[in-house]
Amino acid sequence: MKQAFVFLLLIVCLTVVSVAAEKGTYNFLRNDIGARAAGLNGSFVSMTNDPNVIFYNPAALPTLTRTSASVGFLKHLLDVKGGHLSYAQKLEGIGTVAAGILFLDYGSFTETDESFNTLGTFGATDLALVIGVGHSIDEATTVGLNGKMIYSSLANSKSAALAVDLGILYQIPSEQITIGASLLNLGTQINSYITTKEDLPLDLKVGITKRPEHLPVLLNLNFHKLNEASESLLERFASFSLGAEFQMSESVRFRVGYNNEQRKEMKLGTSAGLAGFSFGGGIWIGEYVVDYAFNSYGKIGGLHRLSIGMGF
């Protein structure tokens, strides 16, 4: 009961701290990171034992069973490409510390003047550096904190921001249930593109992971953007995702996910196709794991991700 009370109290605190906000800038921070998380369509707030939890919920860092790292590549729509790098290890007396890098390259664009005369080319990139730490309060409850530096460039213009992420994780081993919550991108721009500072994509997430008894599958339900304004209480919970990770064998995993908001946004006319659905899997090869994920945007196309994880 004590642990449950602490968990609920911190959830309330996170909700009070969060404020209704517009989508803001630096929306690349909302992208899923890593093929495992993408295969679950972002249902990763309450997942454990993965170095990429630093990007979703730093409170899950203490669940790592060993020093771990992950590197990944993203093939977005058109010529947009990106990737990530993460590393985490336990430090005696401190907790589990981690660092991560996110980047997105939007490719090359043709620069013209008012008369459409070609002047050359320019590019656009986004980058985020994350340093975090997770600490155990007791056997069931862990908390985490990230510091984040964000940088963006468009041709000769640049902007930067500083932010923090807060997280909490509560585990119920007897029921094989994990509950997590995180408040991401709480911060401000320190250098704007022009003169007006924009909001960061603040995001309050809450998730639960359950492993049914005698079934080799992890079931996930996550709610996103709980801090954003909505016309009704029901609409506030409309941004949710579902994910399932099936353990096919000791070394093979299969994943499927669904994102409700994404499916609504990608609907063209009366058809959405497979928009909002994701598929993927992972194969362990010794100390390495290779993960792949495909996220469908329906008729618009889809995203491909490949990640390689390793343990030390």
C-alpha atoms as a PDB file:
ATOM      1  CA  MET A   1       0.000   0.000   0.000  1.00  0.00           C
ATOM      2  CA  LYS A   2       2.829   2.392   0.805  1.00  0.00           C
ATOM      3  CA  GLN A   3       4.439   1.887  -2.588  1.00  0.00           C
ATOM      4  CA  ALA A   4       1.109   2.263  -4.351  1.00  0.00           C
ATOM      5  CA  PHE A   5       0.432   5.510  -2.493  1.00  0.00           C
ATOM      6  CA  VAL A   6       3.849   6.900  -3.476  1.00  0.00           C
ATOM      7  CA  PHE A   7       3.203   5.969  -7.077  1.00  0.00           C
ATOM      8  CA  LEU A   8      -0.218   7.607  -7.185  1.00  0.00           C
ATOM      9  CA  LEU A   9       1.088  10.725  -5.432  1.00  0.00           C
ATOM     10  CA  LEU A  10       3.842  11.187  -7.983  1.00  0.00           C
ATOM     11  CA  ILE A  11       1.392  10.639 -10.834  1.00  0.00           C
ATOM     12  CA  VAL A  12      -0.736  13.457  -9.416  1.00  0.00           C
ATOM     13  CA  CYS A  13       2.345  15.667  -9.098  1.00  0.00           C
ATOM     14  CA  LEU A  14       3.277  15.030 -12.722  1.00  0.00           C
ATOM     15  CA  THR A  15      -0.252  15.880 -13.805  1.00  0.00           C
ATOM     16  CA  VAL A  16      -0.241  19.123 -11.832  1.00  0.00           C
ATOM     17  CA  VAL A  17       3.147  20.134 -13.212  1.00  0.00           C
ATOM     18  CA  SER A  18       2.016  19.502 -16.794  1.00  0.00           C
ATOM     19  CA  VAL A  19       0.067  22.192 -18.578  1.00  0.00           C
ATOM     20  CA  ALA A  20      -2.115  22.280 -21.648  1.00  0.00           C
ATOM     21  CA  ALA A  21       0.087  23.220 -24.598  1.00  0.00           C
ATOM     22  CA  GLU A  22       0.134  23.355 -28.364  1.00  0.00           C
ATOM     23  CA  LYS A  23       2.213  20.852 -30.287  1.00  0.00           C
ATOM     24  CA  GLY A  24       5.105  23.300 -30.326  1.00  0.00           C
ATOM     25  CA  THR A  25       8.408  22.922 -32.093  1.00  0.00           C
ATOM     26  CA  TYR A  26      11.033  20.111 -32.122  1.00  0.00           C
ATOM     27  CA  ASN A  27       8.340  17.571 -32.949  1.00  0.00           C
ATOM     28  CA  PHE A  28      11.039  15.068 -33.922  1.00  0.00           C
ATOM     29  CA  LEU A  29      11.154  14.363 -30.177  1.00  0.00           C
ATOM     30  CA  ARG A  30       7.787  12.627 -30.549  1.00  0.00           C
ATOM     31  CA  ASN A  31       9.217  10.050 -32.973  1.00  0.00           C
ATOM     32  CA  ASP A  32       9.610   6.511 -31.689  1.00  0.00           C
ATOM     33  CA  ILE A  33      13.204   5.584 -30.941  1.00  0.00           C
ATOM     34  CA  GLY A  34      14.540   2.114 -31.592  1.00  0.00           C
ATOM     35  CA  ALA A  35      12.960  -0.679 -33.612  1.00  0.00           C
ATOM     36  CA  ARG A  36      11.694  -2.502 -30.526  1.00  0.00           C
ATOM     37  CA  ALA A  37       9.674   0.473 -29.297  1.00  0.00           C
ATOM     38  CA  ALA A  38       8.528   1.292 -32.847  1.00  0.00           C
ATOM     39  CA  GLY A  39       7.319  -2.287 -33.330  1.00  0.00           C
ATOM     40  CA  LEU A  40       5.065  -1.695 -30.317  1.00  0.00           C
ATOM     41  CA  ASN A  41       4.029   1.674 -31.825  1.00  0.00           C
ATOM     42  CA  GLY A  42       5.391   3.670 -28.896  1.00  0.00           C
ATOM     43  CA  SER A  43       3.867   1.544 -26.113  1.00  0.00           C
ATOM     44  CA  PHE A  44       7.120   1.646 -24.188  1.00  0.00           C
ATOM     45  CA  VAL A  45       6.571   3.769 -21.071  1.00  0.00           C
ATOM     46  CA  SER A  46       6.342   0.734 -18.790  1.00  0.00           C
ATOM     47  CA  MET A  47       8.768  -1.569 -20.616  1.00  0.00           C
ATOM     48  CA  THR A  48      11.976  -2.662 -18.903  1.00  0.00           C
ATOM     49  CA  ASN A  49      15.528  -3.921 -19.457  1.00  0.00           C
ATOM     50  CA  ASP A  50      16.292  -1.891 -22.597  1.00  0.00           C
ATOM     51  CA  PRO A  51      18.765   1.024 -22.889  1.00  0.00           C
ATOM     52  CA  ASN A  52      16.270   2.960 -25.029  1.00  0.00           C
ATOM     53  CA  VAL A  53      13.955   3.402 -22.036  1.00  0.00           C
ATOM     54  CA  ILE A  54      15.979   6.587 -21.438  1.00  0.00           C
ATOM     55  CA  PHE A  55      13.952   8.163 -24.272  1.00  0.00           C
ATOM     56  CA  TYR A  56      10.588   7.046 -22.849  1.00  0.00           C
ATOM     57  CA  ASN A  57      10.865   6.769 -19.081  1.00  0.00           C
ATOM     58  CA  PRO A  58      14.204   7.214 -17.254  1.00  0.00           C
ATOM     59  CA  ALA A  59      12.698   5.497 -14.204  1.00  0.00           C
ATOM     60  CA  ALA A  60      12.999   2.177 -16.077  1.00  0.00           C
ATOM     61  CA  LEU A  61      16.801   2.452 -16.232  1.00  0.00           C
ATOM     62  CA  PRO A  62      17.352   0.533 -12.943  1.00  0.00           C
ATOM     63  CA  THR A  63      15.595  -2.490 -14.488  1.00  0.00           C
ATOM     64  CA  LEU A  64      18.590  -3.100 -16.768  1.00  0.00           C
ATOM     65  CA  THR A  65      20.270  -6.348 -15.764  1.00  0.00           C
ATOM     66  CA  ARG A  66      23.646  -5.399 -17.260  1.00  0.00           C
ATOM     67  CA  THR A  67      25.503  -2.651 -19.097  1.00  0.00           C
ATOM     68  CA  SER A  68      23.755  -2.191 -22.445  1.00  0.00           C
ATOM     69  CA  ALA A  69      23.923  -0.142 -25.629  1.00  0.00           C
ATOM     70  CA  SER A  70      21.793   0.361 -28.722  1.00  0.00           C
ATOM     71  CA  VAL A  71      22.329   1.941 -32.124  1.00  0.00           C
ATOM     72  CA  GLY A  72      19.593   2.391 -34.700  1.00  0.00           C
ATOM     73  CA  PHE A  73      18.709   3.757 -38.138  1.00  0.00           C
ATOM     74  CA  LEU A  74      15.412   5.247 -39.334  1.00  0.00           C
ATOM     75  CA  LYS A  75      14.278   5.484 -42.975  1.00  0.00           C
ATOM     76  CA  HIS A  76      11.509   8.086 -42.911  1.00  0.00           C
ATOM     77  CA  LEU A  77       9.345   9.292 -45.778  1.00  0.00           C
ATOM     78  CA  LEU A  78      11.022  10.822 -48.864  1.00  0.00           C
ATOM     79  CA  ASP A  79      14.732  11.448 -48.183  1.00  0.00           C
ATOM     80  CA  VAL A  80      14.401  11.960 -44.428  1.00  0.00           C
ATOM     81  CA  LYS A  81      16.753   9.761 -42.395  1.00  0.00           C
ATOM     82  CA  GLY A  82      17.603   9.555 -38.734  1.00  0.00           C
ATOM     83  CA  GLY A  83      18.991   7.426 -35.972  1.00  0.00           C
ATOM     84  CA  HIS A  84      19.872   7.034 -32.332  1.00  0.00           C
ATOM     85  CA  LEU A  85      22.613   5.867 -30.008  1.00  0.00           C
ATOM     86  CA  SER A  86      22.126   4.955 -26.348  1.00  0.00           C
ATOM     87  CA  TYR A  87      24.245   3.526 -23.538  1.00  0.00           C
ATOM     88  CA  ALA A  88      23.427   2.645 -19.914  1.00  0.00           C
ATOM     89  CA  GLN A  89      25.247   1.135 -16.939  1.00  0.00           C
ATOM     90  CA  LYS A  90      24.884   0.851 -13.188  1.00  0.00           C
ATOM     91  CA  LEU A  91      27.095   2.966 -10.932  1.00  0.00           C
ATOM     92  CA  GLU A  92      27.422   1.944  -7.296  1.00  0.00           C
ATOM     93  CA  GLY A  93      25.859   4.469  -4.939  1.00  0.00           C
ATOM     94  CA  ILE A  94      24.262   6.497  -7.745  1.00  0.00           C
ATOM     95  CA  GLY A  95      21.931   4.243  -9.684  1.00  0.00           C
ATOM     96  CA  THR A  96      21.799   3.488 -13.368  1.00  0.00           C
ATOM     97  CA  VAL A  97      23.145   6.258 -15.579  1.00  0.00           C
ATOM     98  CA  ALA A  98      22.578   6.553 -19.312  1.00  0.00           C
ATOM     99  CA  ALA A  99      23.221   8.791 -22.290  1.00  0.00           C
ATOM    100  CA  GLY A 100      21.566   9.014 -25.668  1.00  0.00           C
ATOM    101  CA  ILE A 101      21.682  10.867 -28.982  1.00  0.00           C
ATOM    102  CA  LEU A 102      18.841  11.444 -31.443  1.00  0.00           C
ATOM    103  CA  PHE A 103      19.257  12.961 -34.889  1.00  0.00           C
ATOM    104  CA  LEU A 104      17.139  13.575 -37.968  1.00  0.00           C
ATOM    105  CA  ASP A 105      18.399  14.747 -41.367  1.00  0.00           C
ATOM    106  CA  TYR A 106      15.751  16.139 -43.716  1.00  0.00           C
ATOM    107  CA  GLY A 107      17.916  15.948 -46.814  1.00  0.00           C
ATOM    108  CA  SER A 108      18.858  18.627 -49.321  1.00  0.00           C
ATOM    109  CA  PHE A 109      16.577  21.377 -50.654  1.00  0.00           C
ATOM    110  CA  THR A 110      16.939  23.774 -53.575  1.00  0.00           C
ATOM    111  CA  GLU A 111      17.287  27.424 -52.591  1.00  0.00           C
ATOM    112  CA  THR A 112      15.746  30.015 -54.941  1.00  0.00           C
ATOM    113  CA  ASP A 113      15.109  33.752 -54.940  1.00  0.00           C
ATOM    114  CA  GLU A 114      11.771  35.527 -55.451  1.00  0.00           C
ATOM    115  CA  SER A 115      12.007  34.918 -59.199  1.00  0.00           C
ATOM    116  CA  PHE A 116      12.706  31.204 -58.712  1.00  0.00           C
ATOM    117  CA  ASN A 117      16.313  31.514 -59.799  1.00  0.00           C
ATOM    118  CA  THR A 118      18.378  28.729 -58.269  1.00  0.00           C
ATOM    119  CA  LEU A 119      20.874  30.002 -55.710  1.00  0.00           C
ATOM    120  CA  GLY A 120      22.137  26.680 -54.401  1.00  0.00           C
ATOM    121  CA  THR A 121      21.031  24.119 -51.851  1.00  0.00           C
ATOM    122  CA  PHE A 122      20.459  24.011 -48.109  1.00  0.00           C
ATOM    123  CA  GLY A 123      19.756  21.382 -45.469  1.00  0.00           C
ATOM    124  CA  ALA A 124      17.855  20.929 -42.230  1.00  0.00           C
ATOM    125  CA  THR A 125      18.724  18.798 -39.189  1.00  0.00           C
ATOM    126  CA  ASP A 126      17.464  18.121 -35.677  1.00  0.00           C
ATOM    127  CA  LEU A 127      19.575  16.806 -32.791  1.00  0.00           C
ATOM    128  CA  ALA A 128      19.012  15.976 -29.121  1.00  0.00           C
ATOM    129  CA  LEU A 129      21.517  14.925 -26.453  1.00  0.00           C
ATOM    130  CA  VAL A 130      20.130  13.174 -23.370  1.00  0.00           C
ATOM    131  CA  ILE A 131      21.808  12.292 -20.060  1.00  0.00           C
ATOM    132  CA  GLY A 132      19.775  10.477 -17.432  1.00  0.00           C
ATOM    133  CA  VAL A 133      19.831   8.595 -14.160  1.00  0.00           C
ATOM    134  CA  GLY A 134      17.423   6.150 -12.568  1.00  0.00           C
ATOM    135  CA  HIS A 135      17.309   5.196  -8.891  1.00  0.00           C
ATOM    136  CA  SER A 136      15.410   2.579  -6.882  1.00  0.00           C
ATOM    137  CA  ILE A 137      13.327   3.857  -3.965  1.00  0.00           C
ATOM    138  CA  ASP A 138      12.440   0.353  -2.825  1.00  0.00           C
ATOM    139  CA  GLU A 139      12.003  -3.095  -4.361  1.00  0.00           C
ATOM    140  CA  ALA A 140       8.919  -2.010  -6.292  1.00  0.00           C
ATOM    141  CA  THR A 141       9.393   1.676  -7.108  1.00  0.00           C
ATOM    142  CA  THR A 142      11.996   3.459  -9.211  1.00  0.00           C
ATOM    143  CA  VAL A 143      12.285   7.084 -10.313  1.00  0.00           C
ATOM    144  CA  GLY A 144      14.320   8.767 -13.033  1.00  0.00           C
ATOM    145  CA  LEU A 145      15.464  12.127 -14.350  1.00  0.00           C
ATOM    146  CA  ASN A 146      16.887  13.237 -17.713  1.00  0.00           C
ATOM    147  CA  GLY A 147      18.637  16.402 -18.786  1.00  0.00           C
ATOM    148  CA  LYS A 148      18.187  17.202 -22.462  1.00  0.00           C
ATOM    149  CA  MET A 149      19.840  19.608 -24.916  1.00  0.00           C
ATOM    150  CA  ILE A 150      17.989  20.147 -28.199  1.00  0.00           C
ATOM    151  CA  TYR A 151      19.408  21.705 -31.362  1.00  0.00           C
ATOM    152  CA  SER A 152      17.836  22.426 -34.731  1.00  0.00           C
ATOM    153  CA  SER A 153      19.127  24.048 -37.922  1.00  0.00           C
ATOM    154  CA  LEU A 154      17.447  25.169 -41.127  1.00  0.00           C
ATOM    155  CA  ALA A 155      19.769  26.643 -43.771  1.00  0.00           C
ATOM    156  CA  ASN A 156      21.641  29.415 -41.911  1.00  0.00           C
ATOM    157  CA  SER A 157      19.116  29.651 -39.063  1.00  0.00           C
ATOM    158  CA  LYS A 158      19.544  27.782 -35.800  1.00  0.00           C
ATOM    159  CA  SER A 159      17.675  27.264 -32.539  1.00  0.00           C
ATOM    160  CA  ALA A 160      18.342  25.478 -29.244  1.00  0.00           C
ATOM    161  CA  ALA A 161      16.477  24.447 -26.103  1.00  0.00           C
ATOM    162  CA  LEU A 162      17.000  22.838 -22.698  1.00  0.00           C
ATOM    163  CA  ALA A 163      14.568  20.379 -21.135  1.00  0.00           C
ATOM    164  CA  VAL A 164      14.161  17.678 -18.492  1.00  0.00           C
ATOM    165  CA  ASP A 165      12.258  14.390 -18.395  1.00  0.00           C
ATOM    166  CA  LEU A 166      10.741  12.971 -15.206  1.00  0.00           C
ATOM    167  CA  GLY A 167       9.647   9.380 -14.691  1.00  0.00           C
ATOM    168  CA  ILE A 168       8.363   6.802 -12.243  1.00  0.00           C
ATOM    169  CA  LEU A 169       7.952   3.032 -12.501  1.00  0.00           C
ATOM    170  CA  TYR A 170       6.078   0.681 -10.178  1.00  0.00           C
ATOM    171  CA  GLN A 171       6.369  -3.110 -10.462  1.00  0.00           C
ATOM    172  CA  ILE A 172       4.066  -5.809  -9.090  1.00  0.00           C
ATOM    173  CA  PRO A 173       6.054  -9.044  -9.634  1.00  0.00           C
ATOM    174  CA  SER A 174       3.349 -11.306  -8.199  1.00  0.00           C
ATOM    175  CA  GLU A 175       0.932 -10.118 -10.896  1.00  0.00           C
ATOM    176  CA  GLN A 176       3.630  -9.650 -13.571  1.00  0.00           C
ATOM    177  CA  ILE A 177       2.477  -6.047 -13.993  1.00  0.00           C
ATOM    178  CA  THR A 178       4.541  -2.902 -14.490  1.00  0.00           C
ATOM    179  CA  ILE A 179       3.044   0.606 -14.385  1.00  0.00           C
ATOM    180  CA  GLY A 180       4.959   3.641 -15.578  1.00  0.00           C
ATOM    181  CA  ALA A 181       4.508   7.367 -16.102  1.00  0.00           C
ATOM    182  CA  SER A 182       6.760  10.030 -17.571  1.00  0.00           C
ATOM    183  CA  LEU A 183       6.668  13.738 -18.301  1.00  0.00           C
ATOM    184  CA  LEU A 184       8.868  14.465 -21.320  1.00  0.00           C
ATOM    185  CA  ASN A 185      10.329  17.680 -22.746  1.00  0.00           C
ATOM    186  CA  LEU A 186       9.623  20.006 -19.847  1.00  0.00           C
ATOM    187  CA  GLY A 187      11.740  23.036 -20.751  1.00  0.00           C
ATOM    188  CA  THR A 188      12.173  26.128 -22.869  1.00  0.00           C
ATOM    189  CA  GLN A 189      13.956  27.471 -25.913  1.00  0.00           C
ATOM    190  CA  ILE A 190      17.136  29.380 -25.150  1.00  0.00           C
ATOM    191  CA  ASN A 191      17.617  30.445 -28.757  1.00  0.00           C
ATOM    192  CA  SER A 192      14.699  30.739 -31.206  1.00  0.00           C
ATOM    193  CA  TYR A 193      14.730  30.772 -34.989  1.00  0.00           C
ATOM    194  CA  ILE A 194      13.365  34.306 -35.186  1.00  0.00           C
ATOM    195  CA  THR A 195      12.230  36.377 -32.190  1.00  0.00           C
ATOM    196  CA  THR A 196       9.310  34.362 -30.781  1.00  0.00           C
ATOM    197  CA  LYS A 197      10.083  31.443 -28.508  1.00  0.00           C
ATOM    198  CA  GLU A 198       7.972  28.367 -29.168  1.00  0.00           C
ATOM    199  CA  ASP A 199       6.705  25.693 -26.781  1.00  0.00           C
ATOM    200  CA  LEU A 200       8.408  22.324 -26.583  1.00  0.00           C
ATOM    201  CA  PRO A 201       6.319  19.177 -27.276  1.00  0.00           C
ATOM    202  CA  LEU A 202       5.484  18.515 -23.622  1.00  0.00           C
ATOM    203  CA  ASP A 203       4.067  15.022 -23.236  1.00  0.00           C
ATOM    204  CA  LEU A 204       2.631  13.279 -20.184  1.00  0.00           C
ATOM    205  CA  LYS A 205       2.546   9.511 -20.748  1.00  0.00           C
ATOM    206  CA  VAL A 206       1.124   6.722 -18.598  1.00  0.00           C
ATOM    207  CA  GLY A 207       1.431   3.044 -19.434  1.00  0.00           C
ATOM    208  CA  ILE A 208       0.944  -0.470 -18.132  1.00  0.00           C
ATOM    209  CA  THR A 209       2.615  -3.728 -19.150  1.00  0.00           C
ATOM    210  CA  LYS A 210       1.126  -7.110 -18.267  1.00  0.00           C
ATOM    211  CA  ARG A 211       2.395 -10.624 -18.902  1.00  0.00           C
ATOM    212  CA  PRO A 212      -0.553 -13.036 -18.735  1.00  0.00           C
ATOM    213  CA  GLU A 213       0.047 -16.146 -16.708  1.00  0.00           C
ATOM    214  CA  HIS A 214       1.434 -19.053 -18.755  1.00  0.00           C
ATOM    215  CA  LEU A 215       1.526 -16.966 -21.954  1.00  0.00           C
ATOM    216  CA  PRO A 216       4.843 -15.821 -23.527  1.00  0.00           C
ATOM    217  CA  VAL A 217       3.665 -12.313 -24.407  1.00  0.00           C
ATOM    218  CA  LEU A 218       3.971  -8.794 -22.992  1.00  0.00           C
ATOM    219  CA  LEU A 219       0.828  -6.706 -23.449  1.00  0.00           C
ATOM    220  CA  ASN A 220       1.094  -2.916 -23.371  1.00  0.00           C
ATOM    221  CA  LEU A 221      -1.361  -0.040 -23.117  1.00  0.00           C
ATOM    222  CA  ASN A 222      -0.034   3.539 -23.174  1.00  0.00           C
ATOM    223  CA  PHE A 223      -1.780   6.901 -23.024  1.00  0.00           C
ATOM    224  CA  HIS A 224       0.033   9.872 -24.572  1.00  0.00           C
ATOM    225  CA  LYS A 225      -0.359  13.672 -24.462  1.00  0.00           C
ATOM    226  CA  LEU A 226      -2.485  13.561 -21.317  1.00  0.00           C
ATOM    227  CA  ASN A 227      -1.431  17.136 -20.601  1.00  0.00           C
ATOM    228  CA  GLU A 228      -2.926  18.561 -23.793  1.00  0.00           C
ATOM    229  CA  ALA A 229      -6.260  20.394 -23.767  1.00  0.00           C
ATOM    230  CA  SER A 230      -9.351  18.553 -24.999  1.00  0.00           C
ATOM    231  CA  GLU A 231     -13.055  19.272 -25.280  1.00  0.00           C
ATOM    232  CA  SER A 232     -14.019  16.297 -23.107  1.00  0.00           C
ATOM    233  CA  LEU A 233     -12.472  13.854 -20.658  1.00  0.00           C
ATOM    234  CA  LEU A 234     -12.923  11.031 -23.162  1.00  0.00           C
ATOM    235  CA  GLU A 235     -10.989  12.899 -25.866  1.00  0.00           C
ATOM    236  CA  ARG A 236      -8.109  13.412 -23.455  1.00  0.00           C
ATOM    237  CA  PHE A 237      -7.554   9.648 -23.546  1.00  0.00           C
ATOM    238  CA  ALA A 238      -7.937   9.329 -27.327  1.00  0.00           C
ATOM    239  CA  SER A 239      -4.162   9.416 -27.891  1.00  0.00           C
ATOM    240  CA  PHE A 240      -3.392   5.840 -26.905  1.00  0.00           C
ATOM    241  CA  SER A 241      -1.306   2.997 -28.261  1.00  0.00           C
ATOM    242  CA  LEU A 242      -1.381  -0.765 -27.856  1.00  0.00           C
ATOM    243  CA  GLY A 243       1.506  -3.170 -28.248  1.00  0.00           C
ATOM    244  CA  ALA A 244       2.230  -6.868 -27.886  1.00  0.00           C
ATOM    245  CA  GLU A 245       5.626  -8.572 -27.842  1.00  0.00           C
ATOM    246  CA  PHE A 246       5.490 -12.337 -28.399  1.00  0.00           C
ATOM    247  CA  GLN A 247       8.356 -14.576 -27.310  1.00  0.00           C
ATOM    248  CA  MET A 248       8.450 -17.130 -30.122  1.00  0.00           C
ATOM    249  CA  SER A 249      11.567 -18.832 -28.704  1.00  0.00           C
ATOM    250  CA  GLU A 250      14.551 -18.049 -26.508  1.00  0.00           C
ATOM    251  CA  SER A 251      16.061 -15.921 -29.269  1.00  0.00           C
ATOM    252  CA  VAL A 252      13.123 -14.738 -31.407  1.00  0.00           C
ATOM    253  CA  ARG A 253      10.511 -12.027 -30.701  1.00  0.00           C
ATOM    254  CA  PHE A 254       7.561 -10.827 -32.767  1.00  0.00           C
ATOM    255  CA  ARG A 255       5.843  -7.466 -32.200  1.00  0.00           C
ATOM    256  CA  VAL A 256       2.685  -5.716 -33.283  1.00  0.00           C
ATOM    257  CA  GLY A 257       1.326  -2.314 -32.314  1.00  0.00           C
ATOM    258  CA  TYR A 258      -1.512   0.145 -32.873  1.00  0.00           C
ATOM    259  CA  ASN A 259      -1.581   3.943 -32.474  1.00  0.00           C
ATOM    260  CA  ASN A 260      -5.082   5.408 -32.342  1.00  0.00           C
ATOM    261  CA  GLU A 261      -4.164   9.064 -32.942  1.00  0.00           C
ATOM    262  CA  GLN A 262      -1.868   8.164 -35.830  1.00  0.00           C
ATOM    263  CA  ARG A 263      -4.591   6.169 -37.556  1.00  0.00           C
ATOM    264  CA  LYS A 264      -7.021   9.099 -37.348  1.00  0.00           C
ATOM    265  CA  GLU A 265      -4.466  11.592 -38.675  1.00  0.00           C
ATOM    266  CA  MET A 266      -3.389   9.390 -41.608  1.00  0.00           C
ATOM    267  CA  LYS A 267      -6.886   8.615 -42.837  1.00  0.00           C
ATOM    268  CA  LEU A 268      -7.411   9.757 -46.426  1.00  0.00           C
ATOM    269  CA  GLY A 269     -11.038  10.006 -47.466  1.00  0.00           C
ATOM    270  CA  THR A 270     -12.935   7.001 -46.200  1.00  0.00           C
ATOM    271  CA  SER A 271      -9.934   4.658 -46.054  1.00  0.00           C
ATOM    272  CA  ALA A 272      -7.022   4.484 -43.652  1.00  0.00           C
ATOM    273  CA  GLY A 273      -5.527   1.220 -44.865  1.00  0.00           C
ATOM    274  CA  LEU A 274      -3.027  -0.059 -42.324  1.00  0.00           C
ATOM    275  CA  ALA A 275      -2.262   3.431 -41.012  1.00  0.00           C
ATOM    276  CA  GLY A 276      -1.552   3.336 -37.301  1.00  0.00           C
ATOM    277  CA  PHE A 277      -0.408  -0.282 -37.272  1.00  0.00           C
ATOM    278  CA  SER A 278       3.156  -1.479 -36.742  1.00  0.00           C
ATOM    279  CA  PHE A 279       4.933  -4.792 -37.122  1.00  0.00           C
ATOM    280  CA  GLY A 280       8.383  -5.980 -36.189  1.00  0.00           C
ATOM    281  CA  GLY A 281      10.591  -8.516 -34.558  1.00  0.00           C
ATOM    282  CA  GLY A 282      13.937  -9.236 -32.999  1.00  0.00           C
ATOM    283  CA  ILE A 283      16.567 -11.979 -33.115  1.00  0.00           C
ATOM    284  CA  TRP A 284      19.183 -12.603 -30.434  1.00  0.00           C
ATOM    285  CA  ILE A 285      22.587 -13.623 -31.756  1.00  0.00           C
ATOM    286  CA  GLY A 286      24.899 -14.247 -28.814  1.00  0.00           C
ATOM    287  CA  GLU A 287      25.312 -10.955 -26.952  1.00  0.00           C
ATOM    288  CA  TYR A 288      23.618  -8.991 -29.746  1.00  0.00           C
ATOM    289  CA  VAL A 289      19.993  -8.439 -30.691  1.00  0.00           C
ATOM    290  CA  VAL A 290      18.881  -7.235 -34.127  1.00  0.00           C
ATOM    291  CA  ASP A 291      15.459  -5.571 -34.238  1.00  0.00           C
ATOM    292  CA  TYR A 292      13.370  -4.404 -37.188  1.00  0.00           C
ATOM    293  CA  ALA A 293      10.085  -2.470 -37.310  1.00  0.00           C
ATOM    294  CA  PHE A 294       7.718  -1.159 -39.958  1.00  0.00           C
ATOM    295  CA  ASN A 295       5.203   1.573 -39.112  1.00  0.00           C
ATOM    296  CA  SER A 296       2.443   2.066 -41.657  1.00  0.00           C
ATOM    297  CA  TYR A 297       1.189   5.534 -42.618  1.00  0.00           C
ATOM    298  CA  GLY A 298      -1.450   4.013 -44.899  1.00  0.00           C
ATOM    299  CA  LYS A 299      -1.542   5.377 -48.457  1.00  0.00           C
ATOM    300  CA  ILE A 300       1.183   7.885 -47.591  1.00  0.00           C
ATOM    301  CA  GLY A 301       3.807   5.182 -47.071  1.00  0.00           C
ATOM    302  CA  GLY A 302       5.659   3.723 -44.119  1.00  0.00           C
ATOM    303  CA  LEU A 303       8.718   3.988 -41.897  1.00  0.00           C
ATOM    304  CA  HIS A 304      11.468   1.381 -41.606  1.00  0.00           C
ATOM    305  CA  ARG A 305      13.704   1.066 -38.549  1.00  0.00           C
ATOM    306  CA  LEU A 306      16.660  -1.175 -37.803  1.00  0.00           C
ATOM    307  CA  SER A 307      18.376  -1.366 -34.415  1.00  0.00           C
ATOM    308  CA  ILE A 308      21.255  -3.358 -32.966  1.00  0.00           C
ATOM    309  CA  GLY A 309      21.483  -3.842 -29.231  1.00  0.00           C
ATOM    310  CA  MET A 310      24.302  -5.323 -27.213  1.00  0.00           C
ATOM    311  CA  GLY A 311      25.053  -6.309 -23.635  1.00  0.00           C
ATOM    312  CA  PHE A 312      28.377  -6.156 -21.803  1.00  0.00           C
END
